[in-house]
Amino acid sequence: MNDRDEKKSGVKEKLIHEVKEMLVIFLYLALFFCAFTTYRLLVMKEMGISYFNYGFALIKALILAKVILLGQYARICKIFNDRPLIVPTFYKVILFCFFTLLFEILEHVIGGFLHGRDLSSSFQEIISAGWDEILARTLVVLVAFIPFFAFGEIGRVLGEGRLSELFLHKRPLKKSGK
């Protein structure tokens, strides 16, 4: 195999690895956001309000999955990697919650545009009625991010693929000393 074929193979392997990582992140976020959307749908239904917004949940999951994947490769996410695991875990939780908050605001603005409102009226809606909701949704995401990033940090320390091996592969039974 020549140098060019090795580079192609390396790029292909890296691309497959990154697509798998993005898929795992997307599935976690999509499951979470769709579950939260279902909860909101049921609560709103009890109040007599029609609500159906799975499209935004999936788009948000896809965008945040890409942001998280890029963030994991960025230097800004690696600055606390030498500290106890709780430090990089909560740093990433807070950092990506901030990004989620920005996407929540952007979602309201886009929703406003789709309903014929301009930018100022969309922000007025956020300030008047939606601000508490956005903060509550961000808090829920913060809680969901804790296990996500905690497992990610544990996996990073254990080594590539070791955590998934522990969760997804059968281990031999240890014999008792009796």
N, C-alpha and C. Protein backbone atom coordinates (compact mmCIF):
# COMPACT_ATOMS: atom_id res chain seq x y z
N MET A 1 0.85 -1.18 0.00
CA MET A 1 0.00 0.00 0.00
C MET A 1 0.89 1.24 0.00
N ASN A 2 0.60 2.19 -0.86
CA ASN A 2 1.42 3.39 -0.93
C ASN A 2 0.90 4.47 0.03
N ASP A 3 1.64 5.57 0.09
CA ASP A 3 1.31 6.68 1.00
C ASP A 3 -0.08 7.25 0.74
N ARG A 4 -0.42 7.37 -0.52
CA ARG A 4 -1.70 7.96 -0.89
C ARG A 4 -2.86 7.08 -0.42
N ASP A 5 -2.73 5.77 -0.60
CA ASP A 5 -3.78 4.84 -0.16
C ASP A 5 -3.91 4.83 1.36
N GLU A 6 -2.78 4.93 2.08
CA GLU A 6 -2.80 4.97 3.53
C GLU A 6 -3.49 6.23 4.03
N LYS A 7 -3.23 7.37 3.37
CA LYS A 7 -3.89 8.62 3.75
C LYS A 7 -5.39 8.54 3.51
N LYS A 8 -5.80 7.96 2.36
CA LYS A 8 -7.21 7.78 2.06
C LYS A 8 -7.87 6.90 3.11
N SER A 9 -7.20 5.82 3.45
CA SER A 9 -7.72 4.89 4.45
C SER A 9 -7.84 5.56 5.81
N GLY A 10 -6.84 6.36 6.17
CA GLY A 10 -6.86 7.08 7.45
C GLY A 10 -7.97 8.10 7.52
N VAL A 11 -8.19 8.82 6.42
CA VAL A 11 -9.26 9.82 6.37
C VAL A 11 -10.61 9.13 6.44
N LYS A 12 -10.74 8.00 5.73
CA LYS A 12 -11.99 7.25 5.73
C LYS A 12 -12.30 6.73 7.13
N GLU A 13 -11.31 6.17 7.81
CA GLU A 13 -11.50 5.66 9.17
C GLU A 13 -11.88 6.79 10.13
N LYS A 14 -11.21 7.93 9.98
CA LYS A 14 -11.51 9.07 10.85
C LYS A 14 -12.93 9.57 10.60
N LEU A 15 -13.33 9.62 9.34
CA LEU A 15 -14.68 10.07 9.01
C LEU A 15 -15.73 9.11 9.58
N ILE A 16 -15.50 7.82 9.43
CA ILE A 16 -16.44 6.83 9.98
C ILE A 16 -16.52 6.95 11.49
N HIS A 17 -15.38 7.14 12.14
CA HIS A 17 -15.34 7.30 13.60
C HIS A 17 -16.13 8.54 14.02
N GLU A 18 -15.94 9.65 13.33
CA GLU A 18 -16.64 10.89 13.68
C GLU A 18 -18.14 10.78 13.41
N VAL A 19 -18.53 10.10 12.34
CA VAL A 19 -19.95 9.92 12.05
C VAL A 19 -20.59 9.07 13.15
N LYS A 20 -19.89 8.03 13.60
CA LYS A 20 -20.42 7.19 14.69
C LYS A 20 -20.57 8.01 15.96
N GLU A 21 -19.55 8.81 16.29
CA GLU A 21 -19.63 9.67 17.47
C GLU A 21 -20.80 10.63 17.37
N MET A 22 -20.96 11.25 16.21
CA MET A 22 -22.06 12.21 16.03
C MET A 22 -23.40 11.50 16.15
N LEU A 23 -23.49 10.29 15.61
CA LEU A 23 -24.73 9.53 15.69
C LEU A 23 -25.09 9.22 17.14
N VAL A 24 -24.12 8.82 17.94
CA VAL A 24 -24.37 8.53 19.35
C VAL A 24 -24.84 9.78 20.08
N ILE A 25 -24.15 10.90 19.85
CA ILE A 25 -24.54 12.16 20.50
C ILE A 25 -25.94 12.56 20.04
N PHE A 26 -26.19 12.48 18.72
CA PHE A 26 -27.50 12.85 18.19
C PHE A 26 -28.59 11.98 18.79
N LEU A 27 -28.37 10.66 18.86
CA LEU A 27 -29.40 9.77 19.41
C LEU A 27 -29.71 10.09 20.86
N TYR A 28 -28.69 10.37 21.66
CA TYR A 28 -28.90 10.74 23.06
C TYR A 28 -29.73 12.02 23.14
N LEU A 29 -29.30 13.05 22.40
CA LEU A 29 -30.01 14.33 22.45
C LEU A 29 -31.40 14.23 21.85
N ALA A 30 -31.55 13.50 20.74
CA ALA A 30 -32.86 13.36 20.11
C ALA A 30 -33.82 12.64 21.05
N LEU A 31 -33.36 11.58 21.69
CA LEU A 31 -34.20 10.87 22.65
C LEU A 31 -34.62 11.80 23.77
N PHE A 32 -33.67 12.55 24.28
CA PHE A 32 -33.98 13.47 25.38
C PHE A 32 -34.93 14.57 24.93
N PHE A 33 -34.62 15.26 23.84
CA PHE A 33 -35.45 16.38 23.40
C PHE A 33 -36.84 15.90 22.98
N CYS A 34 -36.94 14.74 22.35
CA CYS A 34 -38.26 14.22 21.97
C CYS A 34 -39.07 13.80 23.20
N ALA A 35 -38.40 13.24 24.20
CA ALA A 35 -39.10 12.90 25.45
C ALA A 35 -39.61 14.17 26.13
N PHE A 36 -38.78 15.19 26.14
CA PHE A 36 -39.18 16.46 26.75
C PHE A 36 -40.31 17.09 25.94
N THR A 37 -40.25 17.00 24.62
CA THR A 37 -41.31 17.53 23.77
C THR A 37 -42.62 16.78 24.02
N THR A 38 -42.54 15.47 24.20
CA THR A 38 -43.73 14.68 24.50
C THR A 38 -44.33 15.10 25.83
N TYR A 39 -43.48 15.32 26.81
CA TYR A 39 -43.96 15.79 28.12
C TYR A 39 -44.67 17.13 27.96
N ARG A 40 -44.06 18.06 27.23
CA ARG A 40 -44.68 19.37 27.01
C ARG A 40 -46.01 19.22 26.27
N LEU A 41 -46.05 18.32 25.28
CA LEU A 41 -47.27 18.09 24.53
C LEU A 41 -48.39 17.65 25.46
N LEU A 42 -48.09 16.73 26.36
CA LEU A 42 -49.11 16.23 27.28
C LEU A 42 -49.55 17.30 28.27
N VAL A 43 -48.63 18.08 28.79
CA VAL A 43 -48.98 19.15 29.72
C VAL A 43 -49.83 20.20 29.00
N MET A 44 -49.41 20.59 27.80
CA MET A 44 -50.15 21.60 27.05
C MET A 44 -51.55 21.08 26.67
N LYS A 45 -51.64 19.80 26.37
CA LYS A 45 -52.93 19.20 25.99
C LYS A 45 -53.91 19.30 27.16
N GLU A 46 -53.40 19.05 28.37
CA GLU A 46 -54.26 19.16 29.55
C GLU A 46 -54.75 20.59 29.75
N MET A 47 -53.96 21.55 29.31
CA MET A 47 -54.33 22.95 29.44
C MET A 47 -55.17 23.42 28.25
N GLY A 48 -55.42 22.53 27.29
CA GLY A 48 -56.23 22.87 26.13
C GLY A 48 -55.46 23.59 25.04
N ILE A 49 -54.13 23.49 25.05
CA ILE A 49 -53.29 24.16 24.07
C ILE A 49 -52.70 23.11 23.14
N SER A 50 -52.81 23.36 21.85
CA SER A 50 -52.23 22.44 20.87
C SER A 50 -50.74 22.70 20.75
N TYR A 51 -49.96 21.64 20.82
CA TYR A 51 -48.50 21.78 20.75
C TYR A 51 -47.93 20.55 20.08
N PHE A 52 -47.17 20.76 19.03
CA PHE A 52 -46.53 19.65 18.33
C PHE A 52 -45.25 20.18 17.72
N ASN A 53 -44.11 19.81 18.27
CA ASN A 53 -42.87 20.45 17.85
C ASN A 53 -41.69 19.48 17.82
N TYR A 54 -41.89 18.28 17.29
CA TYR A 54 -40.80 17.31 17.24
C TYR A 54 -39.73 17.70 16.23
N GLY A 55 -40.11 18.43 15.20
CA GLY A 55 -39.14 18.86 14.19
C GLY A 55 -38.04 19.71 14.78
N PHE A 56 -38.42 20.70 15.59
CA PHE A 56 -37.42 21.53 16.26
C PHE A 56 -36.56 20.70 17.20
N ALA A 57 -37.16 19.72 17.87
CA ALA A 57 -36.40 18.87 18.80
C ALA A 57 -35.31 18.11 18.05
N LEU A 58 -35.65 17.55 16.90
CA LEU A 58 -34.66 16.79 16.12
C LEU A 58 -33.60 17.69 15.50
N ILE A 59 -34.03 18.85 15.00
CA ILE A 59 -33.06 19.78 14.43
C ILE A 59 -32.11 20.29 15.51
N LYS A 60 -32.66 20.61 16.68
CA LYS A 60 -31.83 21.07 17.78
C LYS A 60 -30.85 19.97 18.20
N ALA A 61 -31.32 18.72 18.25
CA ALA A 61 -30.43 17.61 18.60
C ALA A 61 -29.30 17.47 17.59
N LEU A 62 -29.62 17.61 16.32
CA LEU A 62 -28.60 17.49 15.27
C LEU A 62 -27.58 18.63 15.36
N ILE A 63 -28.07 19.85 15.53
CA ILE A 63 -27.16 21.00 15.63
C ILE A 63 -26.29 20.90 16.87
N LEU A 64 -26.90 20.59 18.01
CA LEU A 64 -26.11 20.48 19.24
C LEU A 64 -25.14 19.30 19.19
N ALA A 65 -25.52 18.22 18.52
CA ALA A 65 -24.59 17.09 18.36
C ALA A 65 -23.35 17.53 17.61
N LYS A 66 -23.54 18.30 16.55
CA LYS A 66 -22.41 18.80 15.78
C LYS A 66 -21.58 19.79 16.60
N VAL A 67 -22.24 20.66 17.35
CA VAL A 67 -21.53 21.62 18.21
C VAL A 67 -20.72 20.87 19.27
N ILE A 68 -21.32 19.86 19.89
CA ILE A 68 -20.61 19.08 20.91
C ILE A 68 -19.43 18.35 20.30
N LEU A 69 -19.64 17.73 19.14
CA LEU A 69 -18.55 17.01 18.48
C LEU A 69 -17.40 17.95 18.14
N LEU A 70 -17.71 19.10 17.58
CA LEU A 70 -16.67 20.08 17.28
C LEU A 70 -16.02 20.59 18.56
N GLY A 71 -16.83 20.80 19.58
CA GLY A 71 -16.31 21.27 20.86
C GLY A 71 -15.35 20.29 21.51
N GLN A 72 -15.62 19.00 21.33
CA GLN A 72 -14.73 18.00 21.91
C GLN A 72 -13.36 18.02 21.28
N TYR A 73 -13.28 18.47 20.03
CA TYR A 73 -11.99 18.56 19.36
C TYR A 73 -11.33 19.92 19.56
N ALA A 74 -12.11 20.89 20.01
CA ALA A 74 -11.58 22.24 20.19
C ALA A 74 -10.75 22.32 21.47
N ARG A 75 -9.85 23.21 21.44
CA ARG A 75 -8.95 23.39 22.58
C ARG A 75 -9.70 23.86 23.83
N ILE A 76 -10.77 24.62 23.63
CA ILE A 76 -11.52 25.18 24.75
C ILE A 76 -12.11 24.09 25.64
N CYS A 77 -12.39 22.91 25.09
CA CYS A 77 -12.96 21.82 25.88
C CYS A 77 -11.91 20.96 26.56
N LYS A 78 -10.66 21.19 26.26
CA LYS A 78 -9.61 20.34 26.81
C LYS A 78 -8.80 21.02 27.91
N ILE A 79 -9.18 22.22 28.30
CA ILE A 79 -8.33 22.97 29.23
C ILE A 79 -8.34 22.39 30.65
N PHE A 80 -9.36 21.64 31.01
CA PHE A 80 -9.42 21.06 32.36
C PHE A 80 -9.23 19.55 32.37
N ASN A 81 -8.71 18.98 31.29
CA ASN A 81 -8.59 17.52 31.20
C ASN A 81 -7.64 16.90 32.21
N ASP A 82 -6.76 17.70 32.80
CA ASP A 82 -5.82 17.15 33.78
C ASP A 82 -6.36 17.23 35.21
N ARG A 83 -7.53 17.75 35.40
CA ARG A 83 -8.14 17.92 36.72
C ARG A 83 -8.99 16.70 37.07
N PRO A 84 -9.45 16.61 38.32
CA PRO A 84 -10.40 15.54 38.67
C PRO A 84 -11.61 15.57 37.73
N LEU A 85 -12.18 14.43 37.44
CA LEU A 85 -13.22 14.31 36.42
C LEU A 85 -14.42 15.23 36.63
N ILE A 86 -14.70 15.60 37.85
CA ILE A 86 -15.84 16.48 38.10
C ILE A 86 -15.64 17.86 37.47
N VAL A 87 -14.40 18.31 37.40
CA VAL A 87 -14.12 19.65 36.86
C VAL A 87 -14.38 19.72 35.35
N PRO A 88 -13.76 18.85 34.51
CA PRO A 88 -14.09 18.94 33.08
C PRO A 88 -15.54 18.57 32.78
N THR A 89 -16.13 17.70 33.60
CA THR A 89 -17.53 17.33 33.39
C THR A 89 -18.43 18.55 33.55
N PHE A 90 -18.31 19.24 34.69
CA PHE A 90 -19.18 20.40 34.91
C PHE A 90 -18.82 21.58 34.03
N TYR A 91 -17.57 21.70 33.67
CA TYR A 91 -17.18 22.75 32.73
C TYR A 91 -17.90 22.55 31.41
N LYS A 92 -17.89 21.31 30.90
CA LYS A 92 -18.55 21.03 29.63
C LYS A 92 -20.07 21.15 29.75
N VAL A 93 -20.62 20.73 30.89
CA VAL A 93 -22.06 20.86 31.12
C VAL A 93 -22.46 22.33 31.03
N ILE A 94 -21.73 23.19 31.72
CA ILE A 94 -22.07 24.62 31.72
C ILE A 94 -21.84 25.24 30.35
N LEU A 95 -20.72 24.92 29.72
CA LEU A 95 -20.41 25.47 28.40
C LEU A 95 -21.48 25.10 27.38
N PHE A 96 -21.85 23.83 27.33
CA PHE A 96 -22.83 23.41 26.34
C PHE A 96 -24.26 23.78 26.73
N CYS A 97 -24.52 24.01 28.00
CA CYS A 97 -25.82 24.57 28.40
C CYS A 97 -25.96 26.00 27.90
N PHE A 98 -24.86 26.72 27.92
CA PHE A 98 -24.87 28.07 27.37
C PHE A 98 -25.22 28.02 25.88
N PHE A 99 -24.60 27.10 25.14
CA PHE A 99 -24.93 26.94 23.73
C PHE A 99 -26.40 26.55 23.55
N THR A 100 -26.89 25.69 24.42
CA THR A 100 -28.29 25.28 24.35
C THR A 100 -29.22 26.47 24.59
N LEU A 101 -28.86 27.32 25.55
CA LEU A 101 -29.64 28.52 25.80
C LEU A 101 -29.69 29.40 24.56
N LEU A 102 -28.54 29.56 23.89
CA LEU A 102 -28.52 30.34 22.66
C LEU A 102 -29.42 29.72 21.59
N PHE A 103 -29.41 28.39 21.48
CA PHE A 103 -30.27 27.73 20.50
C PHE A 103 -31.75 27.83 20.87
N GLU A 104 -32.06 27.84 22.17
CA GLU A 104 -33.45 28.04 22.60
C GLU A 104 -33.95 29.41 22.15
N ILE A 105 -33.11 30.42 22.32
CA ILE A 105 -33.48 31.77 21.89
C ILE A 105 -33.63 31.81 20.37
N LEU A 106 -32.68 31.20 19.68
CA LEU A 106 -32.74 31.15 18.22
C LEU A 106 -34.00 30.41 17.76
N GLU A 107 -34.36 29.34 18.45
CA GLU A 107 -35.57 28.58 18.11
C GLU A 107 -36.80 29.48 18.23
N HIS A 108 -36.88 30.28 19.30
CA HIS A 108 -38.02 31.19 19.45
C HIS A 108 -38.05 32.25 18.34
N VAL A 109 -36.89 32.75 17.98
CA VAL A 109 -36.82 33.76 16.92
C VAL A 109 -37.26 33.15 15.59
N ILE A 110 -36.76 31.96 15.26
CA ILE A 110 -37.15 31.30 14.01
C ILE A 110 -38.64 30.98 14.03
N GLY A 111 -39.14 30.49 15.17
CA GLY A 111 -40.57 30.23 15.30
C GLY A 111 -41.38 31.49 15.09
N GLY A 112 -40.88 32.61 15.59
CA GLY A 112 -41.55 33.89 15.38
C GLY A 112 -41.59 34.27 13.92
N PHE A 113 -40.47 34.08 13.21
CA PHE A 113 -40.43 34.36 11.77
C PHE A 113 -41.42 33.49 11.01
N LEU A 114 -41.51 32.21 11.39
CA LEU A 114 -42.43 31.30 10.72
C LEU A 114 -43.88 31.69 10.95
N HIS A 115 -44.14 32.37 12.07
CA HIS A 115 -45.50 32.82 12.37
C HIS A 115 -45.72 34.29 11.97
N GLY A 116 -44.81 34.84 11.18
CA GLY A 116 -44.99 36.18 10.65
C GLY A 116 -44.59 37.32 11.56
N ARG A 117 -43.87 37.04 12.63
CA ARG A 117 -43.43 38.11 13.54
C ARG A 117 -42.03 38.56 13.16
N ASP A 118 -41.73 39.81 13.45
CA ASP A 118 -40.38 40.31 13.19
C ASP A 118 -39.47 40.02 14.39
N LEU A 119 -38.20 40.38 14.26
CA LEU A 119 -37.21 40.08 15.29
C LEU A 119 -37.55 40.73 16.63
N SER A 120 -37.96 41.97 16.62
CA SER A 120 -38.24 42.67 17.87
C SER A 120 -39.44 42.06 18.60
N SER A 121 -40.48 41.67 17.86
CA SER A 121 -41.63 41.05 18.53
C SER A 121 -41.28 39.65 19.04
N SER A 122 -40.38 38.95 18.35
CA SER A 122 -39.94 37.64 18.84
C SER A 122 -39.19 37.79 20.16
N PHE A 123 -38.30 38.77 20.22
CA PHE A 123 -37.58 39.01 21.47
C PHE A 123 -38.52 39.51 22.57
N GLN A 124 -39.52 40.29 22.19
CA GLN A 124 -40.51 40.76 23.17
C GLN A 124 -41.26 39.58 23.77
N GLU A 125 -41.59 38.60 22.92
CA GLU A 125 -42.27 37.40 23.41
C GLU A 125 -41.38 36.62 24.38
N ILE A 126 -40.11 36.51 24.06
CA ILE A 126 -39.17 35.81 24.93
C ILE A 126 -39.11 36.52 26.28
N ILE A 127 -39.00 37.83 26.25
CA ILE A 127 -38.88 38.60 27.48
C ILE A 127 -40.17 38.55 28.30
N SER A 128 -41.32 38.67 27.64
CA SER A 128 -42.57 38.74 28.38
C SER A 128 -43.06 37.40 28.90
N ALA A 129 -43.15 36.41 28.04
CA ALA A 129 -43.77 35.15 28.46
C ALA A 129 -42.83 33.96 28.40
N GLY A 130 -41.88 33.98 27.48
CA GLY A 130 -41.09 32.79 27.24
C GLY A 130 -39.79 32.69 28.00
N TRP A 131 -39.35 33.75 28.67
CA TRP A 131 -38.04 33.73 29.33
C TRP A 131 -37.97 32.67 30.42
N ASP A 132 -39.01 32.58 31.24
CA ASP A 132 -39.04 31.56 32.29
C ASP A 132 -38.99 30.16 31.70
N GLU A 133 -39.71 29.97 30.61
CA GLU A 133 -39.72 28.67 29.94
C GLU A 133 -38.35 28.32 29.39
N ILE A 134 -37.69 29.28 28.78
CA ILE A 134 -36.35 29.03 28.22
C ILE A 134 -35.37 28.67 29.34
N LEU A 135 -35.42 29.39 30.44
CA LEU A 135 -34.53 29.07 31.55
C LEU A 135 -34.84 27.70 32.15
N ALA A 136 -36.14 27.36 32.25
CA ALA A 136 -36.52 26.05 32.77
C ALA A 136 -36.04 24.94 31.84
N ARG A 137 -36.20 25.14 30.53
CA ARG A 137 -35.75 24.13 29.56
C ARG A 137 -34.23 23.98 29.62
N THR A 138 -33.53 25.10 29.79
CA THR A 138 -32.07 25.05 29.89
C THR A 138 -31.65 24.31 31.16
N LEU A 139 -32.37 24.50 32.24
CA LEU A 139 -32.07 23.78 33.49
C LEU A 139 -32.28 22.28 33.31
N VAL A 140 -33.33 21.90 32.62
CA VAL A 140 -33.58 20.48 32.37
C VAL A 140 -32.45 19.90 31.51
N VAL A 141 -32.02 20.64 30.50
CA VAL A 141 -30.91 20.20 29.65
C VAL A 141 -29.64 20.08 30.47
N LEU A 142 -29.41 21.02 31.38
CA LEU A 142 -28.24 20.96 32.25
C LEU A 142 -28.21 19.64 33.01
N VAL A 143 -29.34 19.26 33.56
CA VAL A 143 -29.42 17.99 34.30
C VAL A 143 -29.20 16.80 33.38
N ALA A 144 -29.69 16.87 32.15
CA ALA A 144 -29.48 15.78 31.19
C ALA A 144 -28.04 15.69 30.72
N PHE A 145 -27.36 16.83 30.66
CA PHE A 145 -25.97 16.85 30.22
C PHE A 145 -25.01 16.26 31.27
N ILE A 146 -25.38 16.26 32.53
CA ILE A 146 -24.46 15.77 33.57
C ILE A 146 -24.07 14.32 33.30
N PRO A 147 -25.01 13.37 33.16
CA PRO A 147 -24.56 12.00 32.88
C PRO A 147 -23.89 11.86 31.52
N PHE A 148 -24.36 12.62 30.53
CA PHE A 148 -23.77 12.55 29.20
C PHE A 148 -22.29 12.89 29.24
N PHE A 149 -21.95 14.02 29.83
CA PHE A 149 -20.55 14.43 29.87
C PHE A 149 -19.75 13.64 30.92
N ALA A 150 -20.42 13.18 31.99
CA ALA A 150 -19.72 12.35 32.97
C ALA A 150 -19.26 11.04 32.33
N PHE A 151 -20.16 10.40 31.59
CA PHE A 151 -19.78 9.17 30.89
C PHE A 151 -18.71 9.45 29.84
N GLY A 152 -18.82 10.59 29.17
CA GLY A 152 -17.80 10.96 28.19
C GLY A 152 -16.43 11.12 28.82
N GLU A 153 -16.37 11.75 29.97
CA GLU A 153 -15.09 11.94 30.66
C GLU A 153 -14.54 10.61 31.19
N ILE A 154 -15.42 9.77 31.70
CA ILE A 154 -14.98 8.44 32.16
C ILE A 154 -14.42 7.66 30.99
N GLY A 155 -15.11 7.71 29.85
CA GLY A 155 -14.64 7.02 28.65
C GLY A 155 -13.31 7.56 28.17
N ARG A 156 -13.12 8.87 28.26
CA ARG A 156 -11.85 9.48 27.86
C ARG A 156 -10.71 8.97 28.72
N VAL A 157 -10.94 8.87 30.03
CA VAL A 157 -9.90 8.42 30.96
C VAL A 157 -9.63 6.93 30.81
N LEU A 158 -10.69 6.14 30.61
CA LEU A 158 -10.50 4.69 30.45
C LEU A 158 -9.80 4.34 29.15
N GLY A 159 -10.01 5.15 28.13
CA GLY A 159 -9.39 4.89 26.83
C GLY A 159 -10.44 4.63 25.77
N GLU A 160 -10.05 4.86 24.53
CA GLU A 160 -10.94 4.74 23.38
C GLU A 160 -11.64 3.39 23.34
N GLY A 161 -12.97 3.41 23.36
CA GLY A 161 -13.77 2.21 23.21
C GLY A 161 -13.94 1.36 24.46
N ARG A 162 -13.22 1.66 25.51
CA ARG A 162 -13.26 0.82 26.72
C ARG A 162 -14.62 0.90 27.43
N LEU A 163 -15.19 2.09 27.52
CA LEU A 163 -16.47 2.25 28.20
C LEU A 163 -17.59 1.53 27.44
N SER A 164 -17.62 1.68 26.12
CA SER A 164 -18.65 0.98 25.35
C SER A 164 -18.44 -0.53 25.43
N GLU A 165 -17.19 -0.96 25.50
CA GLU A 165 -16.90 -2.39 25.67
C GLU A 165 -17.47 -2.89 27.00
N LEU A 166 -17.30 -2.12 28.05
CA LEU A 166 -17.82 -2.52 29.36
C LEU A 166 -19.34 -2.58 29.37
N PHE A 167 -20.01 -1.67 28.65
CA PHE A 167 -21.46 -1.63 28.65
C PHE A 167 -22.09 -2.58 27.65
N LEU A 168 -21.44 -2.84 26.54
CA LEU A 168 -22.09 -3.53 25.44
C LEU A 168 -21.61 -4.96 25.18
N HIS A 169 -20.57 -5.38 25.85
CA HIS A 169 -20.05 -6.73 25.58
C HIS A 169 -20.14 -7.58 26.84
N LYS A 170 -20.40 -8.83 26.62
CA LYS A 170 -20.52 -9.77 27.72
C LYS A 170 -19.15 -10.00 28.35
N ARG A 171 -19.13 -9.99 29.66
CA ARG A 171 -17.87 -10.24 30.39
C ARG A 171 -17.93 -11.61 31.02
N PRO A 172 -16.80 -12.26 31.11
CA PRO A 172 -16.81 -13.60 31.74
C PRO A 172 -17.11 -13.47 33.24
N LEU A 173 -17.80 -14.45 33.75
CA LEU A 173 -18.12 -14.47 35.18
C LEU A 173 -16.86 -14.77 35.97
N LYS A 174 -16.72 -14.07 37.08
CA LYS A 174 -15.59 -14.35 37.97
C LYS A 174 -15.99 -15.48 38.88
N LYS A 175 -15.07 -16.42 39.06
CA LYS A 175 -15.36 -17.55 39.94
C LYS A 175 -15.08 -17.14 41.38
N SER A 176 -16.00 -17.54 42.25
CA SER A 176 -15.81 -17.20 43.66
C SER A 176 -14.76 -18.12 44.27
N GLY A 177 -14.11 -17.65 45.30
CA GLY A 177 -13.01 -18.39 45.92
C GLY A 177 -13.47 -19.44 46.91
N LYS A 178 -14.73 -19.82 46.90
CA LYS A 178 -15.25 -20.80 47.86
C LYS A 178 -15.09 -22.20 47.38
